[in-house]
């Protein structure tokens, strides 16, 4: 009988001890749900406000706004083709340059670097991400652009002048600023992000897998290409998408070096252009209420849609890779 009473009192003590933890779980769960709901409400509010603010332009120009290249606030004629083209092309150029360089940096840090150099070099790369974008822009305009024009644009323009495809892409005066220059500056800016993510995911690859590959005679490149990359592909793609998102949304650095010209009279990568973020930064403060402001808001909506499409494509790609891995 005493054992039964002792057990009952013990159960009551345990229940009293658990009560506060249950209350904490309820409070924590409620706060977590509230945070999720607030996030969704903010996202929905941004989308709705952008759509409402863009309605005057949508009603007047319709889908023609997307492929109209003329942008003339004095005549209330607006087209988003030039900013869209500049945004996409500069981001693609940045990825083409940054991804291989970032892979090389991550490969060196995880497989080839001496131990004494690994940490200082990793910290130095991470510090590049902390440099303000306006500093990149000023450096690009005052230092990079003159060097780029003299030692890259001039010789490349002469070399490919009469080449069928490359000639039009490298035509134009060597002024140092333009689509390609903006893409290069963007690449320099996103390399720290992609390289840091790649390095971190490469480091979590089990040593047993790499040592087994080395044991059967694989080279460092074969280990990275056939063992490490397949094992870490999800993280690598995530790092690339992080860099792409950074490139799509960059404003100040691009504004300094892209040229800020709403003209699309050639496909030359040396020609000045514009981007969505640069157009917003340059014109929003001086935009008059009406179509001008509405056009800028629609540019913001278009950038939002582009980012959403990129995110969706990356998720679908990851799902496809996971399904393919499951079939194996």
C-alpha atoms as a PDB file:
ATOM      1  CA  UNK A   1       0.000   0.000   0.000  1.00  0.00           C
ATOM      2  CA  UNK A   2       2.846   2.329   0.852  1.00  0.00           C
ATOM      3  CA  UNK A   3       4.447   1.523  -2.500  1.00  0.00           C
ATOM      4  CA  UNK A   4       1.245   2.508  -4.296  1.00  0.00           C
ATOM      5  CA  UNK A   5       0.981   5.815  -2.421  1.00  0.00           C
ATOM      6  CA  UNK A   6       4.662   6.535  -3.084  1.00  0.00           C
ATOM      7  CA  UNK A   7       4.158   5.861  -6.799  1.00  0.00           C
ATOM      8  CA  UNK A   8       1.101   8.125  -6.912  1.00  0.00           C
ATOM      9  CA  UNK A   9       2.899  10.988  -5.177  1.00  0.00           C
ATOM     10  CA  UNK A  10       5.901  10.496  -7.471  1.00  0.00           C
ATOM     11  CA  UNK A  11       3.647  10.695 -10.545  1.00  0.00           C
ATOM     12  CA  UNK A  12       2.056  13.856  -9.210  1.00  0.00           C
ATOM     13  CA  UNK A  13       5.485  15.436  -8.684  1.00  0.00           C
ATOM     14  CA  UNK A  14       6.532  14.518 -12.217  1.00  0.00           C
ATOM     15  CA  UNK A  15       3.300  15.963 -13.614  1.00  0.00           C
ATOM     16  CA  UNK A  16       3.894  19.211 -11.736  1.00  0.00           C
ATOM     17  CA  UNK A  17       7.444  19.377 -13.078  1.00  0.00           C
ATOM     18  CA  UNK A  18       6.256  18.787 -16.627  1.00  0.00           C
ATOM     19  CA  UNK A  19       3.503  21.397 -16.485  1.00  0.00           C
ATOM     20  CA  UNK A  20       5.808  24.394 -16.951  1.00  0.00           C
ATOM     21  CA  UNK A  21       7.579  22.665 -19.823  1.00  0.00           C
ATOM     22  CA  UNK A  22       4.245  21.974 -21.503  1.00  0.00           C
ATOM     23  CA  UNK A  23       3.317  25.627 -21.074  1.00  0.00           C
ATOM     24  CA  UNK A  24       6.665  26.585 -22.568  1.00  0.00           C
ATOM     25  CA  UNK A  25       6.017  24.286 -25.530  1.00  0.00           C
ATOM     26  CA  UNK A  26       2.640  25.908 -26.106  1.00  0.00           C
ATOM     27  CA  UNK A  27       4.098  29.420 -25.930  1.00  0.00           C
ATOM     28  CA  UNK A  28       7.031  28.513 -28.159  1.00  0.00           C
ATOM     29  CA  UNK A  29       4.752  26.820 -30.685  1.00  0.00           C
ATOM     30  CA  UNK A  30       2.450  29.824 -30.741  1.00  0.00           C
ATOM     31  CA  UNK A  31       5.341  32.232 -31.296  1.00  0.00           C
ATOM     32  CA  UNK A  32       6.723  30.047 -34.080  1.00  0.00           C
ATOM     33  CA  UNK A  33       3.334  29.957 -35.818  1.00  0.00           C
ATOM     34  CA  UNK A  34       2.980  33.709 -35.372  1.00  0.00           C
ATOM     35  CA  UNK A  35       6.387  34.276 -36.960  1.00  0.00           C
ATOM     36  CA  UNK A  36       5.421  32.089 -39.926  1.00  0.00           C
ATOM     37  CA  UNK A  37       2.082  33.872 -40.345  1.00  0.00           C
ATOM     38  CA  UNK A  38       3.700  37.316 -40.120  1.00  0.00           C
ATOM     39  CA  UNK A  39       6.243  36.301 -42.763  1.00  0.00           C
ATOM     40  CA  UNK A  40       3.502  35.143 -45.122  1.00  0.00           C
ATOM     41  CA  UNK A  41       1.479  38.295 -44.470  1.00  0.00           C
ATOM     42  CA  UNK A  42       4.496  40.493 -45.207  1.00  0.00           C
ATOM     43  CA  UNK A  43       5.186  38.608 -48.425  1.00  0.00           C
ATOM     44  CA  UNK A  44       1.563  38.834 -49.483  1.00  0.00           C
ATOM     45  CA  UNK A  45       1.399  42.511 -48.553  1.00  0.00           C
ATOM     46  CA  UNK A  46       4.468  43.309 -50.652  1.00  0.00           C
ATOM     47  CA  UNK A  47       3.059  41.463 -53.657  1.00  0.00           C
ATOM     48  CA  UNK A  48      -0.362  43.098 -53.376  1.00  0.00           C
ATOM     49  CA  UNK A  49       1.084  46.590 -52.892  1.00  0.00           C
ATOM     50  CA  UNK A  50       3.367  46.176 -55.914  1.00  0.00           C
ATOM     51  CA  UNK A  51       0.466  44.995 -58.072  1.00  0.00           C
ATOM     52  CA  UNK A  52      -1.799  47.845 -56.957  1.00  0.00           C
ATOM     53  CA  UNK A  53       0.905  50.462 -57.532  1.00  0.00           C
ATOM     54  CA  UNK A  54       1.658  48.970 -60.961  1.00  0.00           C
ATOM     55  CA  UNK A  55      -1.948  48.928 -62.176  1.00  0.00           C
ATOM     56  CA  UNK A  56      -1.865  52.270 -64.085  1.00  0.00           C
ATOM     57  CA  UNK A  57       1.084  51.076 -66.168  1.00  0.00           C
ATOM     58  CA  UNK A  58      -0.367  47.585 -66.577  1.00  0.00           C
ATOM     59  CA  UNK A  59      -3.664  49.029 -67.797  1.00  0.00           C
ATOM     60  CA  UNK A  60      -2.008  51.394 -70.276  1.00  0.00           C
ATOM     61  CA  UNK A  61       0.820  49.266 -71.696  1.00  0.00           C
ATOM     62  CA  UNK A  62      -0.208  45.708 -70.851  1.00  0.00           C
ATOM     63  CA  UNK A  63       2.320  43.002 -71.689  1.00  0.00           C
ATOM     64  CA  UNK A  64       3.906  45.372 -74.193  1.00  0.00           C
ATOM     65  CA  UNK A  65       5.671  46.954 -71.226  1.00  0.00           C
ATOM     66  CA  UNK A  66       7.944  43.897 -71.095  1.00  0.00           C
ATOM     67  CA  UNK A  67       9.348  44.199 -74.628  1.00  0.00           C
ATOM     68  CA  UNK A  68       9.089  47.947 -75.185  1.00  0.00           C
ATOM     69  CA  UNK A  69      12.608  49.416 -75.175  1.00  0.00           C
ATOM     70  CA  UNK A  70      11.744  53.118 -75.113  1.00  0.00           C
ATOM     71  CA  UNK A  71      11.813  54.867 -71.738  1.00  0.00           C
ATOM     72  CA  UNK A  72      10.795  58.533 -71.969  1.00  0.00           C
ATOM     73  CA  UNK A  73       9.324  60.095 -68.806  1.00  0.00           C
ATOM     74  CA  UNK A  74       8.685  63.389 -70.628  1.00  0.00           C
ATOM     75  CA  UNK A  75       6.307  61.651 -73.041  1.00  0.00           C
ATOM     76  CA  UNK A  76       5.003  59.117 -70.500  1.00  0.00           C
ATOM     77  CA  UNK A  77       6.285  56.228 -72.607  1.00  0.00           C
ATOM     78  CA  UNK A  78       7.789  53.386 -70.625  1.00  0.00           C
ATOM     79  CA  UNK A  79       9.241  50.017 -71.518  1.00  0.00           C
ATOM     80  CA  UNK A  80      11.092  47.529 -69.336  1.00  0.00           C
ATOM     81  CA  UNK A  81      13.082  45.674 -71.999  1.00  0.00           C
ATOM     82  CA  UNK A  82      16.383  47.506 -71.410  1.00  0.00           C
ATOM     83  CA  UNK A  83      16.409  47.087 -67.588  1.00  0.00           C
ATOM     84  CA  UNK A  84      15.270  43.457 -67.843  1.00  0.00           C
ATOM     85  CA  UNK A  85      17.944  42.697 -70.426  1.00  0.00           C
ATOM     86  CA  UNK A  86      20.638  44.384 -68.348  1.00  0.00           C
ATOM     87  CA  UNK A  87      19.593  42.606 -65.154  1.00  0.00           C
ATOM     88  CA  UNK A  88      19.550  39.140 -66.703  1.00  0.00           C
ATOM     89  CA  UNK A  89      22.708  39.501 -68.806  1.00  0.00           C
ATOM     90  CA  UNK A  90      24.849  40.979 -66.018  1.00  0.00           C
ATOM     91  CA  UNK A  91      23.683  38.260 -63.618  1.00  0.00           C
ATOM     92  CA  UNK A  92      24.455  35.503 -66.132  1.00  0.00           C
ATOM     93  CA  UNK A  93      27.908  36.973 -66.798  1.00  0.00           C
ATOM     94  CA  UNK A  94      28.529  37.128 -63.051  1.00  0.00           C
ATOM     95  CA  UNK A  95      27.574  33.468 -62.612  1.00  0.00           C
ATOM     96  CA  UNK A  96      29.669  32.324 -65.574  1.00  0.00           C
ATOM     97  CA  UNK A  97      32.708  33.966 -63.992  1.00  0.00           C
ATOM     98  CA  UNK A  98      31.998  33.399 -60.300  1.00  0.00           C
ATOM     99  CA  UNK A  99      30.989  29.723 -60.237  1.00  0.00           C
ATOM    100  CA  UNK A 100      34.244  28.266 -61.672  1.00  0.00           C
ATOM    101  CA  UNK A 101      36.371  30.653 -59.600  1.00  0.00           C
ATOM    102  CA  UNK A 102      34.416  29.815 -56.442  1.00  0.00           C
ATOM    103  CA  UNK A 103      34.756  26.102 -57.151  1.00  0.00           C
ATOM    104  CA  UNK A 104      38.509  26.519 -57.550  1.00  0.00           C
ATOM    105  CA  UNK A 105      38.753  28.452 -54.284  1.00  0.00           C
ATOM    106  CA  UNK A 106      36.716  25.844 -52.411  1.00  0.00           C
ATOM    107  CA  UNK A 107      38.776  23.026 -53.957  1.00  0.00           C
ATOM    108  CA  UNK A 108      42.021  24.687 -52.906  1.00  0.00           C
ATOM    109  CA  UNK A 109      40.838  25.390 -49.361  1.00  0.00           C
ATOM    110  CA  UNK A 110      39.528  21.868 -48.738  1.00  0.00           C
ATOM    111  CA  UNK A 111      41.989  19.676 -50.643  1.00  0.00           C
ATOM    112  CA  UNK A 112      45.169  21.502 -51.653  1.00  0.00           C
ATOM    113  CA  UNK A 113      45.856  24.350 -49.246  1.00  0.00           C
ATOM    114  CA  UNK A 114      48.505  23.968 -46.517  1.00  0.00           C
ATOM    115  CA  UNK A 115      46.971  23.832 -43.066  1.00  0.00           C
ATOM    116  CA  UNK A 116      48.658  27.068 -41.969  1.00  0.00           C
ATOM    117  CA  UNK A 117      47.170  28.967 -44.935  1.00  0.00           C
ATOM    118  CA  UNK A 118      43.672  27.500 -44.893  1.00  0.00           C
ATOM    119  CA  UNK A 119      42.180  29.553 -42.076  1.00  0.00           C
ATOM    120  CA  UNK A 120      43.676  32.983 -42.964  1.00  0.00           C
ATOM    121  CA  UNK A 121      42.689  32.572 -46.601  1.00  0.00           C
ATOM    122  CA  UNK A 122      39.174  31.495 -45.668  1.00  0.00           C
ATOM    123  CA  UNK A 123      38.774  34.520 -43.397  1.00  0.00           C
ATOM    124  CA  UNK A 124      40.074  36.827 -46.134  1.00  0.00           C
ATOM    125  CA  UNK A 125      37.518  35.467 -48.605  1.00  0.00           C
ATOM    126  CA  UNK A 126      34.705  35.896 -46.099  1.00  0.00           C
ATOM    127  CA  UNK A 127      35.796  39.483 -45.435  1.00  0.00           C
ATOM    128  CA  UNK A 128      35.239  40.282 -49.102  1.00  0.00           C
ATOM    129  CA  UNK A 129      31.530  39.732 -48.498  1.00  0.00           C
ATOM    130  CA  UNK A 130      31.571  42.434 -45.804  1.00  0.00           C
ATOM    131  CA  UNK A 131      32.787  45.173 -48.143  1.00  0.00           C
ATOM    132  CA  UNK A 132      29.899  47.604 -48.843  1.00  0.00           C
ATOM    133  CA  UNK A 133      28.595  47.476 -52.388  1.00  0.00           C
ATOM    134  CA  UNK A 134      29.159  51.203 -52.879  1.00  0.00           C
ATOM    135  CA  UNK A 135      32.881  50.617 -52.304  1.00  0.00           C
ATOM    136  CA  UNK A 136      32.843  48.002 -55.058  1.00  0.00           C
ATOM    137  CA  UNK A 137      31.049  50.499 -57.272  1.00  0.00           C
ATOM    138  CA  UNK A 138      33.509  53.312 -56.655  1.00  0.00           C
ATOM    139  CA  UNK A 139      36.473  50.980 -57.142  1.00  0.00           C
ATOM    140  CA  UNK A 140      34.895  49.662 -60.326  1.00  0.00           C
ATOM    141  CA  UNK A 141      34.349  53.135 -61.763  1.00  0.00           C
ATOM    142  CA  UNK A 142      37.609  54.793 -60.735  1.00  0.00           C
ATOM    143  CA  UNK A 143      40.102  51.901 -60.829  1.00  0.00           C
ATOM    144  CA  UNK A 144      38.712  48.908 -62.691  1.00  0.00           C
ATOM    145  CA  UNK A 145      36.990  50.678 -65.600  1.00  0.00           C
ATOM    146  CA  UNK A 146      40.099  52.494 -66.964  1.00  0.00           C
ATOM    147  CA  UNK A 147      42.205  49.320 -66.719  1.00  0.00           C
ATOM    148  CA  UNK A 148      39.412  47.253 -68.255  1.00  0.00           C
ATOM    149  CA  UNK A 149      39.065  49.651 -71.186  1.00  0.00           C
ATOM    150  CA  UNK A 150      42.787  49.913 -71.905  1.00  0.00           C
ATOM    151  CA  UNK A 151      43.945  46.341 -71.429  1.00  0.00           C
ATOM    152  CA  UNK A 152      40.846  44.290 -72.230  1.00  0.00           C
ATOM    153  CA  UNK A 153      38.290  46.133 -74.339  1.00  0.00           C
ATOM    154  CA  UNK A 154      40.763  47.606 -76.815  1.00  0.00           C
ATOM    155  CA  UNK A 155      42.677  44.385 -77.642  1.00  0.00           C
ATOM    156  CA  UNK A 156      39.553  42.209 -77.579  1.00  0.00           C
ATOM    157  CA  UNK A 157      37.706  44.655 -79.832  1.00  0.00           C
ATOM    158  CA  UNK A 158      40.542  44.603 -82.370  1.00  0.00           C
ATOM    159  CA  UNK A 159      40.951  40.823 -82.150  1.00  0.00           C
ATOM    160  CA  UNK A 160      37.299  39.954 -82.776  1.00  0.00           C
ATOM    161  CA  UNK A 161      36.381  42.904 -84.979  1.00  0.00           C
ATOM    162  CA  UNK A 162      35.675  40.804 -88.077  1.00  0.00           C
ATOM    163  CA  UNK A 163      34.574  37.583 -86.355  1.00  0.00           C
ATOM    164  CA  UNK A 164      30.994  36.626 -87.183  1.00  0.00           C
ATOM    165  CA  UNK A 165      29.501  36.112 -83.701  1.00  0.00           C
ATOM    166  CA  UNK A 166      32.076  37.677 -81.399  1.00  0.00           C
ATOM    167  CA  UNK A 167      32.421  40.864 -83.442  1.00  0.00           C
ATOM    168  CA  UNK A 168      28.986  42.290 -82.557  1.00  0.00           C
ATOM    169  CA  UNK A 169      29.423  41.211 -78.924  1.00  0.00           C
ATOM    170  CA  UNK A 170      32.666  43.178 -78.577  1.00  0.00           C
ATOM    171  CA  UNK A 171      31.845  46.192 -80.749  1.00  0.00           C
ATOM    172  CA  UNK A 172      31.784  49.762 -79.525  1.00  0.00           C
ATOM    173  CA  UNK A 173      34.163  52.306 -78.019  1.00  0.00           C
ATOM    174  CA  UNK A 174      36.322  51.098 -75.102  1.00  0.00           C
ATOM    175  CA  UNK A 175      34.909  53.295 -72.363  1.00  0.00           C
ATOM    176  CA  UNK A 176      35.360  50.796 -69.540  1.00  0.00           C
ATOM    177  CA  UNK A 177      31.764  50.815 -68.313  1.00  0.00           C
ATOM    178  CA  UNK A 178      28.868  48.786 -69.623  1.00  0.00           C
ATOM    179  CA  UNK A 179      27.146  45.420 -69.404  1.00  0.00           C
ATOM    180  CA  UNK A 180      30.318  43.312 -69.232  1.00  0.00           C
ATOM    181  CA  UNK A 181      32.023  45.571 -66.699  1.00  0.00           C
ATOM    182  CA  UNK A 182      28.953  45.388 -64.455  1.00  0.00           C
ATOM    183  CA  UNK A 183      28.926  41.601 -64.796  1.00  0.00           C
ATOM    184  CA  UNK A 184      32.582  41.371 -63.782  1.00  0.00           C
ATOM    185  CA  UNK A 185      32.045  43.577 -60.721  1.00  0.00           C
ATOM    186  CA  UNK A 186      29.025  41.474 -59.762  1.00  0.00           C
ATOM    187  CA  UNK A 187      31.124  38.328 -60.131  1.00  0.00           C
ATOM    188  CA  UNK A 188      33.745  39.726 -57.758  1.00  0.00           C
ATOM    189  CA  UNK A 189      30.990  40.543 -55.270  1.00  0.00           C
ATOM    190  CA  UNK A 190      29.282  37.136 -55.280  1.00  0.00           C
ATOM    191  CA  UNK A 191      32.434  34.984 -55.302  1.00  0.00           C
ATOM    192  CA  UNK A 192      32.772  35.142 -51.473  1.00  0.00           C
ATOM    193  CA  UNK A 193      29.190  33.916 -50.996  1.00  0.00           C
ATOM    194  CA  UNK A 194      29.414  30.998 -53.409  1.00  0.00           C
ATOM    195  CA  UNK A 195      32.957  30.037 -52.374  1.00  0.00           C
ATOM    196  CA  UNK A 196      32.076  30.049 -48.669  1.00  0.00           C
ATOM    197  CA  UNK A 197      29.050  27.817 -49.196  1.00  0.00           C
ATOM    198  CA  UNK A 198      30.990  25.434 -51.446  1.00  0.00           C
ATOM    199  CA  UNK A 199      33.841  25.220 -48.945  1.00  0.00           C
ATOM    200  CA  UNK A 200      31.452  24.450 -46.089  1.00  0.00           C
ATOM    201  CA  UNK A 201      29.593  21.722 -47.973  1.00  0.00           C
ATOM    202  CA  UNK A 202      32.815  20.195 -49.302  1.00  0.00           C
ATOM    203  CA  UNK A 203      34.108  19.929 -45.740  1.00  0.00           C
ATOM    204  CA  UNK A 204      31.112  17.832 -44.629  1.00  0.00           C
ATOM    205  CA  UNK A 205      31.860  15.130 -47.199  1.00  0.00           C
ATOM    206  CA  UNK A 206      32.803  11.983 -45.226  1.00  0.00           C
ATOM    207  CA  UNK A 207      36.548  11.470 -45.200  1.00  0.00           C
ATOM    208  CA  UNK A 208      35.977   7.756 -45.768  1.00  0.00           C
ATOM    209  CA  UNK A 209      34.480   8.433 -49.208  1.00  0.00           C
ATOM    210  CA  UNK A 210      37.401  10.590 -50.307  1.00  0.00           C
ATOM    211  CA  UNK A 211      40.049   8.289 -48.866  1.00  0.00           C
ATOM    212  CA  UNK A 212      38.433   5.313 -50.571  1.00  0.00           C
ATOM    213  CA  UNK A 213      38.548   7.135 -53.904  1.00  0.00           C
ATOM    214  CA  UNK A 214      42.182   8.092 -53.384  1.00  0.00           C
ATOM    215  CA  UNK A 215      42.891   4.507 -52.403  1.00  0.00           C
ATOM    216  CA  UNK A 216      41.780   3.150 -55.781  1.00  0.00           C
ATOM    217  CA  UNK A 217      43.990   5.621 -57.616  1.00  0.00           C
ATOM    218  CA  UNK A 218      41.695   8.602 -58.259  1.00  0.00           C
ATOM    219  CA  UNK A 219      43.246  12.008 -58.745  1.00  0.00           C
ATOM    220  CA  UNK A 220      42.178  15.065 -56.764  1.00  0.00           C
ATOM    221  CA  UNK A 221      40.065  16.257 -59.686  1.00  0.00           C
ATOM    222  CA  UNK A 222      38.358  12.854 -60.002  1.00  0.00           C
ATOM    223  CA  UNK A 223      37.620  12.800 -56.283  1.00  0.00           C
ATOM    224  CA  UNK A 224      36.061  16.269 -56.446  1.00  0.00           C
ATOM    225  CA  UNK A 225      34.107  15.627 -59.649  1.00  0.00           C
ATOM    226  CA  UNK A 226      32.917  12.062 -58.998  1.00  0.00           C
ATOM    227  CA  UNK A 227      32.696  11.902 -55.203  1.00  0.00           C
ATOM    228  CA  UNK A 228      32.482  15.297 -53.520  1.00  0.00           C
ATOM    229  CA  UNK A 229      30.241  17.107 -56.023  1.00  0.00           C
ATOM    230  CA  UNK A 230      27.603  14.330 -56.250  1.00  0.00           C
ATOM    231  CA  UNK A 231      27.521  14.120 -52.454  1.00  0.00           C
ATOM    232  CA  UNK A 232      27.178  17.895 -51.971  1.00  0.00           C
ATOM    233  CA  UNK A 233      25.197  18.880 -55.081  1.00  0.00           C
ATOM    234  CA  UNK A 234      22.263  20.230 -53.071  1.00  0.00           C
ATOM    235  CA  UNK A 235      24.471  22.587 -51.087  1.00  0.00           C
ATOM    236  CA  UNK A 236      26.415  23.632 -54.181  1.00  0.00           C
ATOM    237  CA  UNK A 237      23.235  24.530 -56.056  1.00  0.00           C
ATOM    238  CA  UNK A 238      22.039  26.413 -52.993  1.00  0.00           C
ATOM    239  CA  UNK A 239      25.250  28.428 -52.954  1.00  0.00           C
ATOM    240  CA  UNK A 240      24.945  29.228 -56.655  1.00  0.00           C
ATOM    241  CA  UNK A 241      21.341  30.347 -56.185  1.00  0.00           C
ATOM    242  CA  UNK A 242      22.425  32.507 -53.249  1.00  0.00           C
ATOM    243  CA  UNK A 243      24.971  34.187 -55.482  1.00  0.00           C
ATOM    244  CA  UNK A 244      22.439  34.630 -58.278  1.00  0.00           C
ATOM    245  CA  UNK A 245      19.960  36.219 -55.903  1.00  0.00           C
ATOM    246  CA  UNK A 246      22.675  38.574 -54.702  1.00  0.00           C
ATOM    247  CA  UNK A 247      23.518  39.496 -58.292  1.00  0.00           C
ATOM    248  CA  UNK A 248      19.892  40.094 -59.293  1.00  0.00           C
ATOM    249  CA  UNK A 249      19.277  42.426 -56.375  1.00  0.00           C
ATOM    250  CA  UNK A 250      22.538  44.386 -56.391  1.00  0.00           C
ATOM    251  CA  UNK A 251      22.039  48.129 -56.842  1.00  0.00           C
ATOM    252  CA  UNK A 252      24.865  50.511 -56.020  1.00  0.00           C
ATOM    253  CA  UNK A 253      27.823  48.697 -57.568  1.00  0.00           C
ATOM    254  CA  UNK A 254      25.915  48.105 -60.803  1.00  0.00           C
ATOM    255  CA  UNK A 255      24.715  51.705 -60.901  1.00  0.00           C
ATOM    256  CA  UNK A 256      28.307  52.954 -60.890  1.00  0.00           C
ATOM    257  CA  UNK A 257      29.585  50.821 -63.784  1.00  0.00           C
ATOM    258  CA  UNK A 258      26.688  49.792 -66.042  1.00  0.00           C
ATOM    259  CA  UNK A 259      26.324  53.175 -67.758  1.00  0.00           C
ATOM    260  CA  UNK A 260      22.655  53.875 -66.867  1.00  0.00           C
ATOM    261  CA  UNK A 261      21.518  54.225 -70.485  1.00  0.00           C
ATOM    262  CA  UNK A 262      18.016  53.224 -71.559  1.00  0.00           C
ATOM    263  CA  UNK A 263      19.108  52.247 -75.051  1.00  0.00           C
ATOM    264  CA  UNK A 264      19.337  48.826 -76.650  1.00  0.00           C
ATOM    265  CA  UNK A 265      20.683  49.525 -80.107  1.00  0.00           C
ATOM    266  CA  UNK A 266      23.263  46.719 -80.131  1.00  0.00           C
ATOM    267  CA  UNK A 267      24.062  43.389 -78.508  1.00  0.00           C
ATOM    268  CA  UNK A 268      27.575  44.490 -77.575  1.00  0.00           C
ATOM    269  CA  UNK A 269      28.614  43.564 -74.055  1.00  0.00           C
ATOM    270  CA  UNK A 270      30.860  46.630 -74.048  1.00  0.00           C
ATOM    271  CA  UNK A 271      27.905  48.983 -74.572  1.00  0.00           C
ATOM    272  CA  UNK A 272      26.385  50.823 -71.606  1.00  0.00           C
ATOM    273  CA  UNK A 273      22.991  49.669 -70.415  1.00  0.00           C
ATOM    274  CA  UNK A 274      20.715  49.660 -67.412  1.00  0.00           C
ATOM    275  CA  UNK A 275      19.317  47.282 -64.834  1.00  0.00           C
ATOM    276  CA  UNK A 276      16.090  47.188 -62.871  1.00  0.00           C
ATOM    277  CA  UNK A 277      17.752  48.096 -59.593  1.00  0.00           C
ATOM    278  CA  UNK A 278      19.784  50.894 -61.191  1.00  0.00           C
ATOM    279  CA  UNK A 279      16.684  52.372 -62.816  1.00  0.00           C
ATOM    280  CA  UNK A 280      14.881  52.336 -59.478  1.00  0.00           C
ATOM    281  CA  UNK A 281      17.809  53.917 -57.637  1.00  0.00           C
ATOM    282  CA  UNK A 282      18.347  56.632 -60.243  1.00  0.00           C
ATOM    283  CA  UNK A 283      14.756  57.666 -60.895  1.00  0.00           C
ATOM    284  CA  UNK A 284      12.550  56.858 -57.929  1.00  0.00           C
ATOM    285  CA  UNK A 285      13.430  59.959 -55.898  1.00  0.00           C
ATOM    286  CA  UNK A 286      12.586  62.268 -58.812  1.00  0.00           C
ATOM    287  CA  UNK A 287       9.647  60.328 -60.261  1.00  0.00           C
ATOM    288  CA  UNK A 288       6.399  62.257 -60.554  1.00  0.00           C
ATOM    289  CA  UNK A 289       3.186  60.666 -59.260  1.00  0.00           C
ATOM    290  CA  UNK A 290       1.375  58.860 -62.033  1.00  0.00           C
ATOM    291  CA  UNK A 291       2.720  56.665 -64.798  1.00  0.00           C
ATOM    292  CA  UNK A 292       6.374  57.282 -63.983  1.00  0.00           C
ATOM    293  CA  UNK A 293       6.049  56.036 -60.411  1.00  0.00           C
ATOM    294  CA  UNK A 294       3.785  53.215 -61.568  1.00  0.00           C
ATOM    295  CA  UNK A 295       6.337  52.128 -64.174  1.00  0.00           C
ATOM    296  CA  UNK A 296       9.058  51.994 -61.540  1.00  0.00           C
ATOM    297  CA  UNK A 297       6.815  49.973 -59.242  1.00  0.00           C
ATOM    298  CA  UNK A 298       6.130  47.555 -62.074  1.00  0.00           C
ATOM    299  CA  UNK A 299       9.886  47.196 -62.546  1.00  0.00           C
ATOM    300  CA  UNK A 300      10.059  46.179 -58.897  1.00  0.00           C
ATOM    301  CA  UNK A 301       7.262  43.677 -59.481  1.00  0.00           C
ATOM    302  CA  UNK A 302       9.114  42.252 -62.491  1.00  0.00           C
ATOM    303  CA  UNK A 303      12.286  41.841 -60.420  1.00  0.00           C
ATOM    304  CA  UNK A 304      10.241  40.044 -57.784  1.00  0.00           C
ATOM    305  CA  UNK A 305       8.825  37.695 -60.438  1.00  0.00           C
ATOM    306  CA  UNK A 306      12.292  37.035 -61.901  1.00  0.00           C
ATOM    307  CA  UNK A 307      13.615  36.147 -58.451  1.00  0.00           C
ATOM    308  CA  UNK A 308      10.621  33.887 -57.826  1.00  0.00           C
ATOM    309  CA  UNK A 309      11.167  32.111 -61.156  1.00  0.00           C
ATOM    310  CA  UNK A 310      14.850  31.558 -60.357  1.00  0.00           C
ATOM    311  CA  UNK A 311      13.953  30.134 -56.942  1.00  0.00           C
ATOM    312  CA  UNK A 312      11.314  27.858 -58.474  1.00  0.00           C
ATOM    313  CA  UNK A 313      13.723  26.556 -61.109  1.00  0.00           C
ATOM    314  CA  UNK A 314      16.338  25.821 -58.455  1.00  0.00           C
ATOM    315  CA  UNK A 315      13.805  23.918 -56.335  1.00  0.00           C
ATOM    316  CA  UNK A 316      12.622  21.889 -59.340  1.00  0.00           C
ATOM    317  CA  UNK A 317      16.224  21.116 -60.240  1.00  0.00           C
ATOM    318  CA  UNK A 318      16.933  19.913 -56.723  1.00  0.00           C
ATOM    319  CA  UNK A 319      13.815  17.728 -56.731  1.00  0.00           C
ATOM    320  CA  UNK A 320      14.841  16.229 -60.054  1.00  0.00           C
ATOM    321  CA  UNK A 321      18.330  15.497 -58.751  1.00  0.00           C
ATOM    322  CA  UNK A 322      16.911  13.879 -55.617  1.00  0.00           C
ATOM    323  CA  UNK A 323      14.553  11.707 -57.677  1.00  0.00           C
ATOM    324  CA  UNK A 324      17.396  10.687 -59.951  1.00  0.00           C
ATOM    325  CA  UNK A 325      19.498   9.787 -56.915  1.00  0.00           C
ATOM    326  CA  UNK A 326      16.614   7.749 -55.516  1.00  0.00           C
ATOM    327  CA  UNK A 327      16.282   5.732 -58.725  1.00  0.00           C
ATOM    328  CA  UNK A 328      19.943   4.807 -58.525  1.00  0.00           C
END
